[in-house]
Amino acid sequence: MARHIMTLTCDDRPGIVAAVSAALLAVSANIVENQQYSDEDTGLFFMRTVFDAEPHEVEQVLEAVRQSPAISHHHLAARPEDEHCRTIILVSKFDHCLLDLLYRWKSGDLPIDIVDVVSNHEDCRGLVEYYGLPFTVIPVARETKADAEAELLRIVESNDVGLVVLARYMQILSDQLCTALEGRAINIHHSFLPGFKGAKPYHQAHDRGVKLIGASAHYVTADLDEGPIIEQDVVRVTHAESPERLVAIGRDVERRVLSRAVRDHAESRIFLSGRRTIVF
């Protein structure tokens, strides 16, 4: 037997869990893990089930779930648990998030296959090539932005990429590219937004005596930095911290939060529900 992950979103009504369980029992599949949530705000039901079954039996399970009268307006999928998410990382000059992702990938902590690292600068080439990965530079200027995004999207589509990670990629994506990458592009930023916009947010925070430093990872949408939030974290600080120390603390939080969000996506733990996420 092989282990599989099944994800289901559908209208909430009685009988859903029974229908899924019956479909799995029919092929003598063993449920290893199951998580579910009924969203009263949207009337939707979300379910993530990990089960052991023969590979040829998975489609039989899915078809039985689809045919159940308890399942309506559904989004249903299943995949092998050991199938890694094909990933492209975007980076500019700051390398702390990139370095953390590369280390966790190399150590086997992240179930992803990094197919390319794309940047608008040369700064991170040595780091990426040290890990034996391809490094592609696509310069971005106002007059070439459309062509640069077209090339990036070509790389994404030609490599069957399931996740694009903006690891401090300091470019604003166009509405068209955001739409093309909907549900498969994750960004990271400090948690001061919308309070301290623009340059040197940590210096602004120091001037205001901020006592919490945090970060947010979210899916990319056309609404800048306002996509559905996946992961967040905070660290308490005091008046004694210098702006430089706040920057260091912030970078540490950013890389931890981003790596957790990447893992959540790669393990099929995230369900979109309007402007927010359900994360199992």
C-alpha atoms as a PDB file:
ATOM      1  CA  MET A   1       0.000   0.000   0.000  1.00  0.00           C
ATOM      2  CA  ALA A   2       0.955   3.646  -0.495  1.00  0.00           C
ATOM      3  CA  ARG A   3       0.018   6.696   1.551  1.00  0.00           C
ATOM      4  CA  HIS A   4      -2.172   9.380  -0.025  1.00  0.00           C
ATOM      5  CA  ILE A   5      -3.582  12.801   0.912  1.00  0.00           C
ATOM      6  CA  MET A   6      -7.161  13.583  -0.041  1.00  0.00           C
ATOM      7  CA  THR A   7      -8.566  17.111   0.228  1.00  0.00           C
ATOM      8  CA  LEU A   8     -12.228  18.004  -0.006  1.00  0.00           C
ATOM      9  CA  THR A   9     -14.176  21.270  -0.005  1.00  0.00           C
ATOM     10  CA  CYS A  10     -17.948  21.145  -0.422  1.00  0.00           C
ATOM     11  CA  ASP A  11     -21.255  22.495   0.851  1.00  0.00           C
ATOM     12  CA  ASP A  12     -21.682  21.627   4.524  1.00  0.00           C
ATOM     13  CA  ARG A  13     -24.439  19.083   5.150  1.00  0.00           C
ATOM     14  CA  PRO A  14     -24.935  15.830   7.094  1.00  0.00           C
ATOM     15  CA  GLY A  15     -23.319  12.652   5.804  1.00  0.00           C
ATOM     16  CA  ILE A  16     -20.046  13.949   4.372  1.00  0.00           C
ATOM     17  CA  VAL A  17     -17.721  12.143   6.788  1.00  0.00           C
ATOM     18  CA  ALA A  18     -19.787   8.979   6.466  1.00  0.00           C
ATOM     19  CA  ALA A  19     -19.570   9.146   2.656  1.00  0.00           C
ATOM     20  CA  VAL A  20     -15.788   9.567   2.688  1.00  0.00           C
ATOM     21  CA  SER A  21     -15.359   6.799   5.267  1.00  0.00           C
ATOM     22  CA  ALA A  22     -17.566   4.435   3.256  1.00  0.00           C
ATOM     23  CA  ALA A  23     -15.610   5.121   0.066  1.00  0.00           C
ATOM     24  CA  LEU A  24     -12.347   4.316   1.837  1.00  0.00           C
ATOM     25  CA  LEU A  25     -13.761   1.244   3.554  1.00  0.00           C
ATOM     26  CA  ALA A  26     -14.967  -0.119   0.228  1.00  0.00           C
ATOM     27  CA  VAL A  27     -11.347  -0.606  -0.884  1.00  0.00           C
ATOM     28  CA  SER A  28     -10.117  -1.546   2.617  1.00  0.00           C
ATOM     29  CA  ALA A  29      -8.126   1.695   2.864  1.00  0.00           C
ATOM     30  CA  ASN A  30      -6.802   2.649   6.288  1.00  0.00           C
ATOM     31  CA  ILE A  31      -7.347   6.208   7.559  1.00  0.00           C
ATOM     32  CA  VAL A  32      -4.122   7.439   9.146  1.00  0.00           C
ATOM     33  CA  GLU A  33      -5.081  11.044   9.855  1.00  0.00           C
ATOM     34  CA  ASN A  34      -8.250  13.093   9.413  1.00  0.00           C
ATOM     35  CA  GLN A  35      -9.023  16.767  10.000  1.00  0.00           C
ATOM     36  CA  GLN A  36     -12.235  18.618   9.219  1.00  0.00           C
ATOM     37  CA  TYR A  37     -13.870  21.996   9.726  1.00  0.00           C
ATOM     38  CA  SER A  38     -17.352  23.387   9.157  1.00  0.00           C
ATOM     39  CA  ASP A  39     -17.255  27.096   8.342  1.00  0.00           C
ATOM     40  CA  GLU A  40     -20.496  28.641   9.559  1.00  0.00           C
ATOM     41  CA  ASP A  41     -19.722  31.936   7.813  1.00  0.00           C
ATOM     42  CA  THR A  42     -19.581  30.410   4.329  1.00  0.00           C
ATOM     43  CA  GLY A  43     -21.548  27.198   4.775  1.00  0.00           C
ATOM     44  CA  LEU A  44     -18.581  25.216   3.475  1.00  0.00           C
ATOM     45  CA  PHE A  45     -17.033  22.011   4.796  1.00  0.00           C
ATOM     46  CA  PHE A  46     -13.276  21.357   4.606  1.00  0.00           C
ATOM     47  CA  MET A  47     -11.586  17.985   5.063  1.00  0.00           C
ATOM     48  CA  ARG A  48      -8.052  16.614   4.793  1.00  0.00           C
ATOM     49  CA  THR A  49      -7.651  12.863   5.023  1.00  0.00           C
ATOM     50  CA  VAL A  50      -4.440  10.838   4.948  1.00  0.00           C
ATOM     51  CA  PHE A  51      -4.986   7.195   4.084  1.00  0.00           C
ATOM     52  CA  ASP A  52      -3.196   4.027   2.980  1.00  0.00           C
ATOM     53  CA  ALA A  53      -4.450   2.301  -0.165  1.00  0.00           C
ATOM     54  CA  GLU A  54      -3.221   0.695  -3.343  1.00  0.00           C
ATOM     55  CA  PRO A  55      -2.485   3.381  -5.978  1.00  0.00           C
ATOM     56  CA  HIS A  56      -4.978   1.934  -8.454  1.00  0.00           C
ATOM     57  CA  GLU A  57      -7.744   2.210  -5.847  1.00  0.00           C
ATOM     58  CA  VAL A  58      -7.493   5.967  -5.332  1.00  0.00           C
ATOM     59  CA  GLU A  59      -9.606   6.925  -8.346  1.00  0.00           C
ATOM     60  CA  GLN A  60     -12.238   4.445  -7.180  1.00  0.00           C
ATOM     61  CA  VAL A  61     -12.352   6.243  -3.835  1.00  0.00           C
ATOM     62  CA  LEU A  62     -12.636   9.655  -5.489  1.00  0.00           C
ATOM     63  CA  GLU A  63     -15.421   8.515  -7.798  1.00  0.00           C
ATOM     64  CA  ALA A  64     -17.402   7.081  -4.884  1.00  0.00           C
ATOM     65  CA  VAL A  65     -17.078  10.390  -3.020  1.00  0.00           C
ATOM     66  CA  ARG A  66     -18.153  12.339  -6.102  1.00  0.00           C
ATOM     67  CA  GLN A  67     -21.242  10.168  -6.543  1.00  0.00           C
ATOM     68  CA  SER A  68     -22.387  10.522  -2.939  1.00  0.00           C
ATOM     69  CA  PRO A  69     -25.585  12.590  -2.522  1.00  0.00           C
ATOM     70  CA  ALA A  70     -23.993  14.153   0.568  1.00  0.00           C
ATOM     71  CA  ILE A  71     -21.274  15.818  -1.526  1.00  0.00           C
ATOM     72  CA  SER A  72     -22.263  18.897  -3.563  1.00  0.00           C
ATOM     73  CA  HIS A  73     -20.402  21.742  -5.265  1.00  0.00           C
ATOM     74  CA  HIS A  74     -17.163  20.057  -4.385  1.00  0.00           C
ATOM     75  CA  HIS A  75     -13.459  20.485  -4.966  1.00  0.00           C
ATOM     76  CA  LEU A  76     -11.865  17.074  -4.515  1.00  0.00           C
ATOM     77  CA  ALA A  77      -8.301  15.913  -5.063  1.00  0.00           C
ATOM     78  CA  ALA A  78      -5.877  13.215  -3.961  1.00  0.00           C
ATOM     79  CA  ARG A  79      -2.162  12.729  -4.382  1.00  0.00           C
ATOM     80  CA  PRO A  80       0.623  10.476  -3.055  1.00  0.00           C
ATOM     81  CA  GLU A  81       1.963  11.800   0.234  1.00  0.00           C
ATOM     82  CA  ASP A  82       5.571  11.469  -0.976  1.00  0.00           C
ATOM     83  CA  GLU A  83       4.898  13.565  -4.103  1.00  0.00           C
ATOM     84  CA  HIS A  84       6.931  16.764  -3.669  1.00  0.00           C
ATOM     85  CA  CYS A  85       5.597  20.154  -4.697  1.00  0.00           C
ATOM     86  CA  ARG A  86       7.552  21.588  -7.639  1.00  0.00           C
ATOM     87  CA  THR A  87       8.689  25.022  -6.482  1.00  0.00           C
ATOM     88  CA  ILE A  88      10.308  28.194  -7.794  1.00  0.00           C
ATOM     89  CA  ILE A  89      11.797  30.703  -5.356  1.00  0.00           C
ATOM     90  CA  LEU A  90      11.936  34.411  -6.218  1.00  0.00           C
ATOM     91  CA  VAL A  91      14.519  36.570  -4.459  1.00  0.00           C
ATOM     92  CA  SER A  92      16.152  39.981  -4.851  1.00  0.00           C
ATOM     93  CA  LYS A  93      19.108  40.910  -2.603  1.00  0.00           C
ATOM     94  CA  PHE A  94      18.090  39.964   0.959  1.00  0.00           C
ATOM     95  CA  ASP A  95      19.004  36.285   1.319  1.00  0.00           C
ATOM     96  CA  HIS A  96      17.863  35.292   4.842  1.00  0.00           C
ATOM     97  CA  CYS A  97      14.577  33.685   3.772  1.00  0.00           C
ATOM     98  CA  LEU A  98      16.196  32.052   0.739  1.00  0.00           C
ATOM     99  CA  LEU A  99      19.007  30.592   2.852  1.00  0.00           C
ATOM    100  CA  ASP A 100      16.543  29.140   5.355  1.00  0.00           C
ATOM    101  CA  LEU A 101      14.459  27.532   2.607  1.00  0.00           C
ATOM    102  CA  LEU A 102      17.534  26.059   0.928  1.00  0.00           C
ATOM    103  CA  TYR A 103      18.788  24.592   4.201  1.00  0.00           C
ATOM    104  CA  ARG A 104      15.414  23.076   5.094  1.00  0.00           C
ATOM    105  CA  TRP A 105      15.014  21.703   1.554  1.00  0.00           C
ATOM    106  CA  LYS A 106      18.510  20.169   1.584  1.00  0.00           C
ATOM    107  CA  SER A 107      17.953  18.593   4.994  1.00  0.00           C
ATOM    108  CA  GLY A 108      14.669  17.052   3.853  1.00  0.00           C
ATOM    109  CA  ASP A 109      12.551  19.191   6.155  1.00  0.00           C
ATOM    110  CA  LEU A 110      10.493  20.683   3.318  1.00  0.00           C
ATOM    111  CA  PRO A 111       8.646  18.345   0.910  1.00  0.00           C
ATOM    112  CA  ILE A 112       9.405  20.454  -2.157  1.00  0.00           C
ATOM    113  CA  ASP A 113      11.490  20.110  -5.313  1.00  0.00           C
ATOM    114  CA  ILE A 114      13.162  23.437  -6.107  1.00  0.00           C
ATOM    115  CA  VAL A 115      13.293  23.591  -9.898  1.00  0.00           C
ATOM    116  CA  ASP A 116      14.708  27.130 -10.169  1.00  0.00           C
ATOM    117  CA  VAL A 117      15.639  30.221  -8.185  1.00  0.00           C
ATOM    118  CA  VAL A 118      14.788  33.405 -10.082  1.00  0.00           C
ATOM    119  CA  SER A 119      16.091  36.856  -9.218  1.00  0.00           C
ATOM    120  CA  ASN A 120      16.218  40.359 -10.627  1.00  0.00           C
ATOM    121  CA  HIS A 121      19.809  40.661  -9.303  1.00  0.00           C
ATOM    122  CA  GLU A 122      23.004  38.597  -9.334  1.00  0.00           C
ATOM    123  CA  ASP A 123      23.629  38.842  -5.574  1.00  0.00           C
ATOM    124  CA  CYS A 124      22.422  35.364  -4.566  1.00  0.00           C
ATOM    125  CA  ARG A 125      23.968  33.372  -7.407  1.00  0.00           C
ATOM    126  CA  GLY A 126      26.852  31.984  -5.352  1.00  0.00           C
ATOM    127  CA  LEU A 127      24.562  30.841  -2.553  1.00  0.00           C
ATOM    128  CA  VAL A 128      22.135  29.099  -4.905  1.00  0.00           C
ATOM    129  CA  GLU A 129      24.826  27.413  -6.992  1.00  0.00           C
ATOM    130  CA  TYR A 130      26.513  26.175  -3.793  1.00  0.00           C
ATOM    131  CA  TYR A 131      23.359  24.120  -3.255  1.00  0.00           C
ATOM    132  CA  GLY A 132      23.570  22.808  -6.829  1.00  0.00           C
ATOM    133  CA  LEU A 133      20.436  24.572  -8.044  1.00  0.00           C
ATOM    134  CA  PRO A 134      19.839  26.610 -11.208  1.00  0.00           C
ATOM    135  CA  PHE A 135      19.841  30.380 -10.830  1.00  0.00           C
ATOM    136  CA  THR A 136      18.056  32.512 -13.410  1.00  0.00           C
ATOM    137  CA  VAL A 137      18.374  36.283 -13.555  1.00  0.00           C
ATOM    138  CA  ILE A 138      15.498  38.207 -15.092  1.00  0.00           C
ATOM    139  CA  PRO A 139      16.254  41.937 -14.818  1.00  0.00           C
ATOM    140  CA  VAL A 140      13.226  44.105 -14.152  1.00  0.00           C
ATOM    141  CA  ALA A 141      12.892  47.736 -15.191  1.00  0.00           C
ATOM    142  CA  ARG A 142       9.826  49.875 -15.708  1.00  0.00           C
ATOM    143  CA  GLU A 143      10.019  49.551 -19.490  1.00  0.00           C
ATOM    144  CA  THR A 144      10.756  45.778 -19.424  1.00  0.00           C
ATOM    145  CA  LYS A 145       8.456  44.664 -16.599  1.00  0.00           C
ATOM    146  CA  ALA A 146       5.842  43.090 -18.867  1.00  0.00           C
ATOM    147  CA  ASP A 147       8.466  41.067 -20.750  1.00  0.00           C
ATOM    148  CA  ALA A 148      10.133  40.031 -17.478  1.00  0.00           C
ATOM    149  CA  GLU A 149       6.855  38.763 -16.039  1.00  0.00           C
ATOM    150  CA  ALA A 150       6.079  36.908 -19.255  1.00  0.00           C
ATOM    151  CA  GLU A 151       9.435  35.133 -19.020  1.00  0.00           C
ATOM    152  CA  LEU A 152       8.832  34.296 -15.355  1.00  0.00           C
ATOM    153  CA  LEU A 153       5.412  32.853 -16.147  1.00  0.00           C
ATOM    154  CA  ARG A 154       6.915  30.840 -19.004  1.00  0.00           C
ATOM    155  CA  ILE A 155       9.382  29.277 -16.553  1.00  0.00           C
ATOM    156  CA  VAL A 156       6.573  28.529 -14.097  1.00  0.00           C
ATOM    157  CA  GLU A 157       4.325  26.879 -16.668  1.00  0.00           C
ATOM    158  CA  SER A 158       7.050  24.951 -18.512  1.00  0.00           C
ATOM    159  CA  ASN A 159       8.227  23.410 -15.220  1.00  0.00           C
ATOM    160  CA  ASP A 160       4.743  22.439 -13.990  1.00  0.00           C
ATOM    161  CA  VAL A 161       5.283  24.520 -10.862  1.00  0.00           C
ATOM    162  CA  GLY A 162       2.829  24.162  -7.989  1.00  0.00           C
ATOM    163  CA  LEU A 163       4.324  26.849  -5.742  1.00  0.00           C
ATOM    164  CA  VAL A 164       6.086  30.176  -6.254  1.00  0.00           C
ATOM    165  CA  VAL A 165       7.743  31.563  -3.118  1.00  0.00           C
ATOM    166  CA  LEU A 166       8.527  35.274  -2.902  1.00  0.00           C
ATOM    167  CA  ALA A 167      11.465  35.082  -0.492  1.00  0.00           C
ATOM    168  CA  ARG A 168      11.882  38.843  -0.139  1.00  0.00           C
ATOM    169  CA  TYR A 169      11.429  39.446  -3.846  1.00  0.00           C
ATOM    170  CA  MET A 170      11.290  43.215  -3.960  1.00  0.00           C
ATOM    171  CA  GLN A 171       9.040  43.615  -6.973  1.00  0.00           C
ATOM    172  CA  ILE A 172       5.309  44.293  -7.124  1.00  0.00           C
ATOM    173  CA  LEU A 173       3.648  41.721  -9.363  1.00  0.00           C
ATOM    174  CA  SER A 174       1.125  42.928 -11.919  1.00  0.00           C
ATOM    175  CA  ASP A 175      -2.561  42.104 -11.533  1.00  0.00           C
ATOM    176  CA  GLN A 176      -2.285  39.781 -14.527  1.00  0.00           C
ATOM    177  CA  LEU A 177       0.572  37.769 -13.007  1.00  0.00           C
ATOM    178  CA  CYS A 178      -1.164  37.629  -9.619  1.00  0.00           C
ATOM    179  CA  THR A 179      -4.205  36.161 -11.328  1.00  0.00           C
ATOM    180  CA  ALA A 180      -2.111  33.598 -13.202  1.00  0.00           C
ATOM    181  CA  LEU A 181      -0.447  32.496  -9.942  1.00  0.00           C
ATOM    182  CA  GLU A 182      -3.587  32.587  -7.811  1.00  0.00           C
ATOM    183  CA  GLY A 183      -3.459  30.080  -4.978  1.00  0.00           C
ATOM    184  CA  ARG A 184       0.136  29.036  -5.654  1.00  0.00           C
ATOM    185  CA  ALA A 185       2.270  32.100  -4.820  1.00  0.00           C
ATOM    186  CA  ILE A 186       3.277  32.899  -1.232  1.00  0.00           C
ATOM    187  CA  ASN A 187       4.794  36.179  -0.023  1.00  0.00           C
ATOM    188  CA  ILE A 188       6.384  37.175   3.300  1.00  0.00           C
ATOM    189  CA  HIS A 189       6.486  40.589   4.918  1.00  0.00           C
ATOM    190  CA  HIS A 190       6.882  42.168   8.316  1.00  0.00           C
ATOM    191  CA  SER A 191       3.722  42.469  10.375  1.00  0.00           C
ATOM    192  CA  PHE A 192       3.842  46.269  10.693  1.00  0.00           C
ATOM    193  CA  LEU A 193       1.728  46.719   7.603  1.00  0.00           C
ATOM    194  CA  PRO A 194      -0.262  48.824   7.073  1.00  0.00           C
ATOM    195  CA  GLY A 195       1.232  50.865   9.933  1.00  0.00           C
ATOM    196  CA  PHE A 196       4.799  51.409   8.740  1.00  0.00           C
ATOM    197  CA  LYS A 197       4.925  51.465   4.966  1.00  0.00           C
ATOM    198  CA  GLY A 198       7.843  52.331   2.750  1.00  0.00           C
ATOM    199  CA  ALA A 199      11.548  52.373   3.541  1.00  0.00           C
ATOM    200  CA  LYS A 200      13.096  51.247   6.845  1.00  0.00           C
ATOM    201  CA  PRO A 201       9.971  49.961   8.625  1.00  0.00           C
ATOM    202  CA  TYR A 202      12.011  48.692  11.573  1.00  0.00           C
ATOM    203  CA  HIS A 203      13.511  52.130  12.095  1.00  0.00           C
ATOM    204  CA  GLN A 204       9.981  53.559  12.044  1.00  0.00           C
ATOM    205  CA  ALA A 205       8.963  50.936  14.596  1.00  0.00           C
ATOM    206  CA  HIS A 206      11.909  51.833  16.814  1.00  0.00           C
ATOM    207  CA  ASP A 207      10.943  55.493  16.714  1.00  0.00           C
ATOM    208  CA  ARG A 208       7.408  54.559  17.833  1.00  0.00           C
ATOM    209  CA  GLY A 209       8.555  52.234  20.623  1.00  0.00           C
ATOM    210  CA  VAL A 210       6.981  49.091  19.177  1.00  0.00           C
ATOM    211  CA  LYS A 211       6.957  46.131  21.599  1.00  0.00           C
ATOM    212  CA  LEU A 212       6.123  43.333  19.156  1.00  0.00           C
ATOM    213  CA  ILE A 213       8.059  42.261  16.053  1.00  0.00           C
ATOM    214  CA  GLY A 214       6.288  39.858  13.712  1.00  0.00           C
ATOM    215  CA  ALA A 215       5.845  38.535  10.208  1.00  0.00           C
ATOM    216  CA  SER A 216       2.987  37.365   7.970  1.00  0.00           C
ATOM    217  CA  ALA A 217       3.035  34.867   5.115  1.00  0.00           C
ATOM    218  CA  HIS A 218       0.105  35.084   2.717  1.00  0.00           C
ATOM    219  CA  TYR A 219      -1.028  34.123  -0.747  1.00  0.00           C
ATOM    220  CA  VAL A 220      -0.308  36.749  -3.377  1.00  0.00           C
ATOM    221  CA  THR A 221      -3.261  38.672  -4.776  1.00  0.00           C
ATOM    222  CA  ALA A 222      -3.695  41.858  -6.763  1.00  0.00           C
ATOM    223  CA  ASP A 223      -4.398  43.638  -3.448  1.00  0.00           C
ATOM    224  CA  LEU A 224      -0.833  44.351  -2.372  1.00  0.00           C
ATOM    225  CA  ASP A 225       0.095  42.517   0.864  1.00  0.00           C
ATOM    226  CA  GLU A 226      -3.577  41.800   1.601  1.00  0.00           C
ATOM    227  CA  GLY A 227      -3.908  38.223   0.369  1.00  0.00           C
ATOM    228  CA  PRO A 228      -5.270  35.369   2.525  1.00  0.00           C
ATOM    229  CA  ILE A 229      -2.972  34.925   5.530  1.00  0.00           C
ATOM    230  CA  ILE A 230      -1.384  31.502   6.001  1.00  0.00           C
ATOM    231  CA  GLU A 231       1.044  31.870   8.918  1.00  0.00           C
ATOM    232  CA  GLN A 232       2.031  34.582  11.421  1.00  0.00           C
ATOM    233  CA  ASP A 233       4.305  34.895  14.435  1.00  0.00           C
ATOM    234  CA  VAL A 234       5.523  37.579  16.835  1.00  0.00           C
ATOM    235  CA  VAL A 235       8.406  38.168  19.254  1.00  0.00           C
ATOM    236  CA  ARG A 236       8.358  40.611  22.169  1.00  0.00           C
ATOM    237  CA  VAL A 237      11.019  43.339  22.189  1.00  0.00           C
ATOM    238  CA  THR A 238      11.865  46.188  24.541  1.00  0.00           C
ATOM    239  CA  HIS A 239      12.905  49.804  24.356  1.00  0.00           C
ATOM    240  CA  ALA A 240      16.531  48.665  24.640  1.00  0.00           C
ATOM    241  CA  GLU A 241      16.641  47.130  21.158  1.00  0.00           C
ATOM    242  CA  SER A 242      18.421  49.168  18.511  1.00  0.00           C
ATOM    243  CA  PRO A 243      16.936  49.516  15.014  1.00  0.00           C
ATOM    244  CA  GLU A 244      19.616  47.147  13.741  1.00  0.00           C
ATOM    245  CA  ARG A 245      18.699  44.572  16.377  1.00  0.00           C
ATOM    246  CA  LEU A 246      15.017  44.886  15.445  1.00  0.00           C
ATOM    247  CA  VAL A 247      15.964  44.175  11.833  1.00  0.00           C
ATOM    248  CA  ALA A 248      17.825  41.017  12.905  1.00  0.00           C
ATOM    249  CA  ILE A 249      14.907  39.838  15.039  1.00  0.00           C
ATOM    250  CA  GLY A 250      12.490  40.566  12.201  1.00  0.00           C
ATOM    251  CA  ARG A 251      14.523  38.566   9.707  1.00  0.00           C
ATOM    252  CA  ASP A 252      14.527  35.574  12.047  1.00  0.00           C
ATOM    253  CA  VAL A 253      10.744  35.704  12.409  1.00  0.00           C
ATOM    254  CA  GLU A 254      10.263  36.166   8.657  1.00  0.00           C
ATOM    255  CA  ARG A 255      12.187  33.064   7.706  1.00  0.00           C
ATOM    256  CA  ARG A 256      10.462  30.890  10.311  1.00  0.00           C
ATOM    257  CA  VAL A 257       6.999  32.033   9.232  1.00  0.00           C
ATOM    258  CA  LEU A 258       7.749  31.639   5.523  1.00  0.00           C
ATOM    259  CA  SER A 259       9.129  28.113   5.934  1.00  0.00           C
ATOM    260  CA  ARG A 260       6.017  27.062   7.867  1.00  0.00           C
ATOM    261  CA  ALA A 261       3.758  28.498   5.161  1.00  0.00           C
ATOM    262  CA  VAL A 262       5.713  26.675   2.443  1.00  0.00           C
ATOM    263  CA  ARG A 263       5.429  23.408   4.366  1.00  0.00           C
ATOM    264  CA  ASP A 264       1.684  23.918   4.880  1.00  0.00           C
ATOM    265  CA  HIS A 265       1.173  24.430   1.145  1.00  0.00           C
ATOM    266  CA  ALA A 266       3.415  21.534   0.137  1.00  0.00           C
ATOM    267  CA  GLU A 267       1.586  19.170   2.502  1.00  0.00           C
ATOM    268  CA  SER A 268      -1.847  20.242   1.150  1.00  0.00           C
ATOM    269  CA  ARG A 269      -2.859  21.684   4.523  1.00  0.00           C
ATOM    270  CA  ILE A 270      -4.248  25.007   3.250  1.00  0.00           C
ATOM    271  CA  PHE A 271      -7.805  25.568   2.072  1.00  0.00           C
ATOM    272  CA  LEU A 272      -8.932  28.921   0.692  1.00  0.00           C
ATOM    273  CA  SER A 273     -12.191  30.275   2.060  1.00  0.00           C
ATOM    274  CA  GLY A 274     -12.841  33.685   0.568  1.00  0.00           C
ATOM    275  CA  ARG A 275     -10.280  36.160   1.914  1.00  0.00           C
ATOM    276  CA  ARG A 276      -8.979  33.816   4.590  1.00  0.00           C
ATOM    277  CA  THR A 277      -7.484  30.344   4.878  1.00  0.00           C
ATOM    278  CA  ILE A 278      -8.290  27.160   6.753  1.00  0.00           C
ATOM    279  CA  VAL A 279      -4.986  25.521   7.768  1.00  0.00           C
ATOM    280  CA  PHE A 280      -4.934  21.991   9.165  1.00  0.00           C
END
